[in-house]
Amino acid sequence: MVDHGISTGTHVVITGVSGMTEINDLTCYVKVITSDTLELYSNLIVTSPIDGTGFTAYSGGGTLSRLLDRDNNIAIGTNAGNKLI
């Protein structure tokens, strides 16, 4: 994965992995280590890493896709919505 363009906290799903099939259909959050390296976490604040030590060996392939999360937060007050998308 070269220059993934993903930021820490992005919610993703992994599919199509050969070998390490335990991570297929895994939804998780990522922590960016380098422009081509990510760590996988089970929570948004990236404090609970996915432990892959018991997984089978990776042999190739795979797709990482961003998931769209719905945010139900509301903003009340003067200019409260100025930064909302």
N, C-alpha and C. Protein backbone atom coordinates (compact mmCIF):
# COMPACT_ATOMS: atom_id res chain seq x y z
N MET A 1 0.86 -1.17 0.00
CA MET A 1 0.00 0.00 0.00
C MET A 1 0.90 1.23 0.00
N VAL A 2 0.97 1.92 -1.09
CA VAL A 2 1.84 3.08 -1.20
C VAL A 2 1.00 4.35 -1.16
N ASP A 3 1.40 5.30 -0.31
CA ASP A 3 0.73 6.59 -0.17
C ASP A 3 -0.79 6.42 -0.08
N HIS A 4 -1.23 5.79 0.98
CA HIS A 4 -2.65 5.45 1.17
C HIS A 4 -3.56 6.66 1.28
N GLY A 5 -3.07 7.80 1.72
CA GLY A 5 -3.89 9.00 1.81
C GLY A 5 -4.97 8.95 2.87
N ILE A 6 -4.83 8.07 3.82
CA ILE A 6 -5.82 7.90 4.90
C ILE A 6 -5.29 8.58 6.15
N SER A 7 -6.18 9.14 6.96
CA SER A 7 -5.75 9.78 8.20
C SER A 7 -6.13 8.93 9.41
N THR A 8 -5.43 9.13 10.50
CA THR A 8 -5.70 8.41 11.74
C THR A 8 -7.15 8.60 12.15
N GLY A 9 -7.79 7.50 12.54
CA GLY A 9 -9.18 7.53 12.96
C GLY A 9 -10.17 7.19 11.86
N THR A 10 -9.68 6.98 10.63
CA THR A 10 -10.57 6.61 9.53
C THR A 10 -11.14 5.22 9.78
N HIS A 11 -12.44 5.06 9.56
CA HIS A 11 -13.13 3.79 9.73
C HIS A 11 -13.05 3.05 8.40
N VAL A 12 -12.55 1.81 8.41
CA VAL A 12 -12.31 1.07 7.17
C VAL A 12 -12.84 -0.36 7.28
N VAL A 13 -12.96 -1.01 6.12
CA VAL A 13 -13.23 -2.45 6.05
C VAL A 13 -12.17 -3.05 5.14
N ILE A 14 -11.71 -4.25 5.50
CA ILE A 14 -10.68 -4.95 4.75
C ILE A 14 -11.32 -6.16 4.06
N THR A 15 -11.03 -6.34 2.78
CA THR A 15 -11.59 -7.47 2.02
C THR A 15 -10.54 -8.04 1.08
N GLY A 16 -10.75 -9.25 0.62
CA GLY A 16 -9.94 -9.84 -0.44
C GLY A 16 -8.53 -10.22 -0.07
N VAL A 17 -8.25 -10.43 1.21
CA VAL A 17 -6.90 -10.79 1.64
C VAL A 17 -6.70 -12.30 1.48
N SER A 18 -5.57 -12.69 0.94
CA SER A 18 -5.21 -14.11 0.84
C SER A 18 -4.27 -14.46 1.99
N GLY A 19 -4.43 -15.65 2.50
CA GLY A 19 -3.59 -16.08 3.62
C GLY A 19 -4.19 -15.67 4.94
N MET A 20 -4.01 -14.43 5.32
CA MET A 20 -4.50 -13.92 6.60
C MET A 20 -5.99 -13.59 6.49
N THR A 21 -6.78 -14.62 6.26
CA THR A 21 -8.20 -14.44 5.99
C THR A 21 -8.99 -13.98 7.21
N GLU A 22 -8.40 -14.06 8.38
CA GLU A 22 -9.09 -13.59 9.59
C GLU A 22 -9.43 -12.10 9.53
N ILE A 23 -8.71 -11.35 8.71
CA ILE A 23 -9.02 -9.92 8.64
C ILE A 23 -9.99 -9.56 7.52
N ASN A 24 -10.37 -10.54 6.69
CA ASN A 24 -11.38 -10.26 5.66
C ASN A 24 -12.70 -9.87 6.32
N ASP A 25 -13.31 -8.84 5.80
CA ASP A 25 -14.57 -8.27 6.31
C ASP A 25 -14.43 -7.66 7.70
N LEU A 26 -13.20 -7.40 8.12
CA LEU A 26 -12.96 -6.74 9.40
C LEU A 26 -13.21 -5.25 9.25
N THR A 27 -14.05 -4.70 10.11
CA THR A 27 -14.20 -3.24 10.15
C THR A 27 -13.41 -2.76 11.35
N CYS A 28 -12.60 -1.74 11.12
CA CYS A 28 -11.72 -1.24 12.18
C CYS A 28 -11.35 0.21 11.88
N TYR A 29 -10.57 0.77 12.77
CA TYR A 29 -10.05 2.13 12.62
C TYR A 29 -8.55 2.05 12.41
N VAL A 30 -8.00 3.03 11.71
CA VAL A 30 -6.57 2.99 11.42
C VAL A 30 -5.82 4.09 12.15
N LYS A 31 -4.56 3.80 12.42
CA LYS A 31 -3.62 4.80 12.93
C LYS A 31 -2.50 4.85 11.90
N VAL A 32 -2.22 6.04 11.38
CA VAL A 32 -1.20 6.21 10.37
C VAL A 32 0.18 6.16 11.02
N ILE A 33 1.04 5.29 10.48
CA ILE A 33 2.43 5.18 10.94
C ILE A 33 3.34 5.89 9.95
N THR A 34 3.21 5.56 8.67
CA THR A 34 3.94 6.24 7.60
C THR A 34 2.98 6.38 6.41
N SER A 35 3.47 6.93 5.31
CA SER A 35 2.61 7.11 4.13
C SER A 35 2.22 5.78 3.49
N ASP A 36 2.85 4.69 3.89
CA ASP A 36 2.45 3.39 3.34
C ASP A 36 2.30 2.31 4.43
N THR A 37 2.14 2.74 5.69
CA THR A 37 1.98 1.79 6.80
C THR A 37 0.87 2.26 7.73
N LEU A 38 -0.03 1.33 8.07
CA LEU A 38 -1.13 1.62 8.99
C LEU A 38 -1.15 0.57 10.10
N GLU A 39 -1.66 0.95 11.27
CA GLU A 39 -1.98 0.00 12.32
C GLU A 39 -3.49 -0.06 12.44
N LEU A 40 -4.02 -1.23 12.80
CA LEU A 40 -5.46 -1.44 12.89
C LEU A 40 -5.92 -1.46 14.34
N TYR A 41 -7.04 -0.76 14.61
CA TYR A 41 -7.57 -0.64 15.97
C TYR A 41 -9.07 -0.92 15.98
N SER A 42 -9.56 -1.37 17.12
CA SER A 42 -10.99 -1.67 17.24
C SER A 42 -11.81 -0.46 17.68
N ASN A 43 -11.14 0.65 18.05
CA ASN A 43 -11.89 1.82 18.51
C ASN A 43 -11.41 3.10 17.84
N LEU A 44 -12.31 4.07 17.78
CA LEU A 44 -12.05 5.34 17.09
C LEU A 44 -10.85 6.10 17.64
N ILE A 45 -10.62 6.03 18.94
CA ILE A 45 -9.52 6.81 19.52
C ILE A 45 -8.20 6.05 19.48
N VAL A 46 -8.17 4.99 18.69
CA VAL A 46 -7.00 4.16 18.41
C VAL A 46 -6.16 3.84 19.64
N THR A 47 -6.83 3.25 20.64
CA THR A 47 -6.12 2.81 21.85
C THR A 47 -6.21 1.30 22.05
N SER A 48 -7.03 0.60 21.24
CA SER A 48 -7.19 -0.86 21.36
C SER A 48 -6.77 -1.52 20.05
N PRO A 49 -5.49 -1.90 19.93
CA PRO A 49 -5.02 -2.47 18.66
C PRO A 49 -5.62 -3.84 18.39
N ILE A 50 -5.76 -4.16 17.10
CA ILE A 50 -6.18 -5.50 16.67
C ILE A 50 -4.96 -6.41 16.85
N ASP A 51 -5.12 -7.49 17.61
CA ASP A 51 -4.02 -8.42 17.86
C ASP A 51 -4.05 -9.52 16.80
N GLY A 52 -3.13 -9.46 15.89
CA GLY A 52 -3.08 -10.43 14.80
C GLY A 52 -2.05 -11.53 15.02
N THR A 53 -1.52 -11.66 16.23
CA THR A 53 -0.46 -12.65 16.46
C THR A 53 -0.91 -14.08 16.20
N GLY A 54 -2.19 -14.38 16.37
CA GLY A 54 -2.68 -15.73 16.12
C GLY A 54 -3.23 -15.94 14.72
N PHE A 55 -3.15 -14.93 13.87
CA PHE A 55 -3.67 -15.03 12.51
C PHE A 55 -2.71 -15.82 11.63
N THR A 56 -3.24 -16.41 10.56
CA THR A 56 -2.39 -17.09 9.61
C THR A 56 -1.54 -16.07 8.85
N ALA A 57 -0.49 -16.54 8.20
CA ALA A 57 0.45 -15.64 7.53
C ALA A 57 -0.20 -14.98 6.31
N TYR A 58 0.08 -13.71 6.13
CA TYR A 58 -0.39 -12.96 4.97
C TYR A 58 0.31 -13.49 3.73
N SER A 59 -0.43 -13.70 2.64
CA SER A 59 0.21 -14.15 1.41
C SER A 59 -0.02 -13.21 0.23
N GLY A 60 -0.97 -12.28 0.35
CA GLY A 60 -1.11 -11.31 -0.72
C GLY A 60 -2.51 -10.74 -0.85
N GLY A 61 -2.58 -9.68 -1.63
CA GLY A 61 -3.85 -9.07 -1.99
C GLY A 61 -4.50 -8.31 -0.86
N GLY A 62 -5.73 -7.91 -1.13
CA GLY A 62 -6.51 -7.20 -0.14
C GLY A 62 -6.86 -5.78 -0.55
N THR A 63 -8.01 -5.34 -0.09
CA THR A 63 -8.48 -3.99 -0.36
C THR A 63 -8.92 -3.35 0.95
N LEU A 64 -8.52 -2.13 1.14
CA LEU A 64 -8.92 -1.33 2.29
C LEU A 64 -9.88 -0.27 1.79
N SER A 65 -11.11 -0.28 2.29
CA SER A 65 -12.12 0.69 1.84
C SER A 65 -12.59 1.53 3.00
N ARG A 66 -12.71 2.82 2.77
CA ARG A 66 -13.22 3.73 3.80
C ARG A 66 -14.71 3.52 3.99
N LEU A 67 -15.15 3.57 5.24
CA LEU A 67 -16.57 3.50 5.56
C LEU A 67 -17.05 4.90 5.90
N LEU A 68 -18.26 5.20 5.52
CA LEU A 68 -18.86 6.48 5.86
C LEU A 68 -19.61 6.32 7.18
N ASP A 69 -19.25 7.11 8.16
CA ASP A 69 -19.91 7.07 9.46
C ASP A 69 -20.91 8.20 9.57
N ARG A 70 -22.02 7.91 10.17
CA ARG A 70 -23.04 8.92 10.39
C ARG A 70 -22.78 9.58 11.73
N ASP A 71 -22.82 10.91 11.75
CA ASP A 71 -22.61 11.67 12.97
C ASP A 71 -23.92 12.34 13.35
N ASN A 72 -24.48 11.95 14.47
CA ASN A 72 -25.77 12.49 14.91
C ASN A 72 -25.63 13.66 15.88
N ASN A 73 -24.46 14.25 15.97
CA ASN A 73 -24.27 15.39 16.86
C ASN A 73 -25.05 16.59 16.35
N ILE A 74 -25.51 17.40 17.28
CA ILE A 74 -26.20 18.63 16.91
C ILE A 74 -25.45 19.80 17.52
N ALA A 75 -25.60 20.94 16.92
CA ALA A 75 -24.95 22.15 17.43
C ALA A 75 -26.02 23.20 17.69
N ILE A 76 -25.94 23.81 18.87
CA ILE A 76 -26.91 24.83 19.27
C ILE A 76 -26.14 26.06 19.73
N GLY A 77 -26.59 27.23 19.30
CA GLY A 77 -25.98 28.48 19.75
C GLY A 77 -25.52 29.33 18.59
N THR A 78 -25.05 30.52 18.92
CA THR A 78 -24.59 31.47 17.92
C THR A 78 -23.39 30.90 17.18
N ASN A 79 -23.47 30.82 15.86
CA ASN A 79 -22.40 30.31 14.99
C ASN A 79 -22.06 28.85 15.25
N ALA A 80 -22.93 28.11 15.93
CA ALA A 80 -22.63 26.71 16.27
C ALA A 80 -22.44 25.84 15.05
N GLY A 81 -23.11 26.14 13.96
CA GLY A 81 -23.03 25.30 12.79
C GLY A 81 -22.04 25.76 11.74
N ASN A 82 -21.24 26.76 12.02
CA ASN A 82 -20.33 27.31 11.03
C ASN A 82 -19.34 26.29 10.48
N LYS A 83 -18.91 25.34 11.29
CA LYS A 83 -17.91 24.37 10.85
C LYS A 83 -18.50 23.03 10.51
N LEU A 84 -19.81 22.91 10.53
CA LEU A 84 -20.44 21.63 10.21
C LEU A 84 -20.46 21.43 8.70
N ILE A 85 -20.34 20.20 8.29
CA ILE A 85 -20.37 19.88 6.85
C ILE A 85 -21.77 19.50 6.47
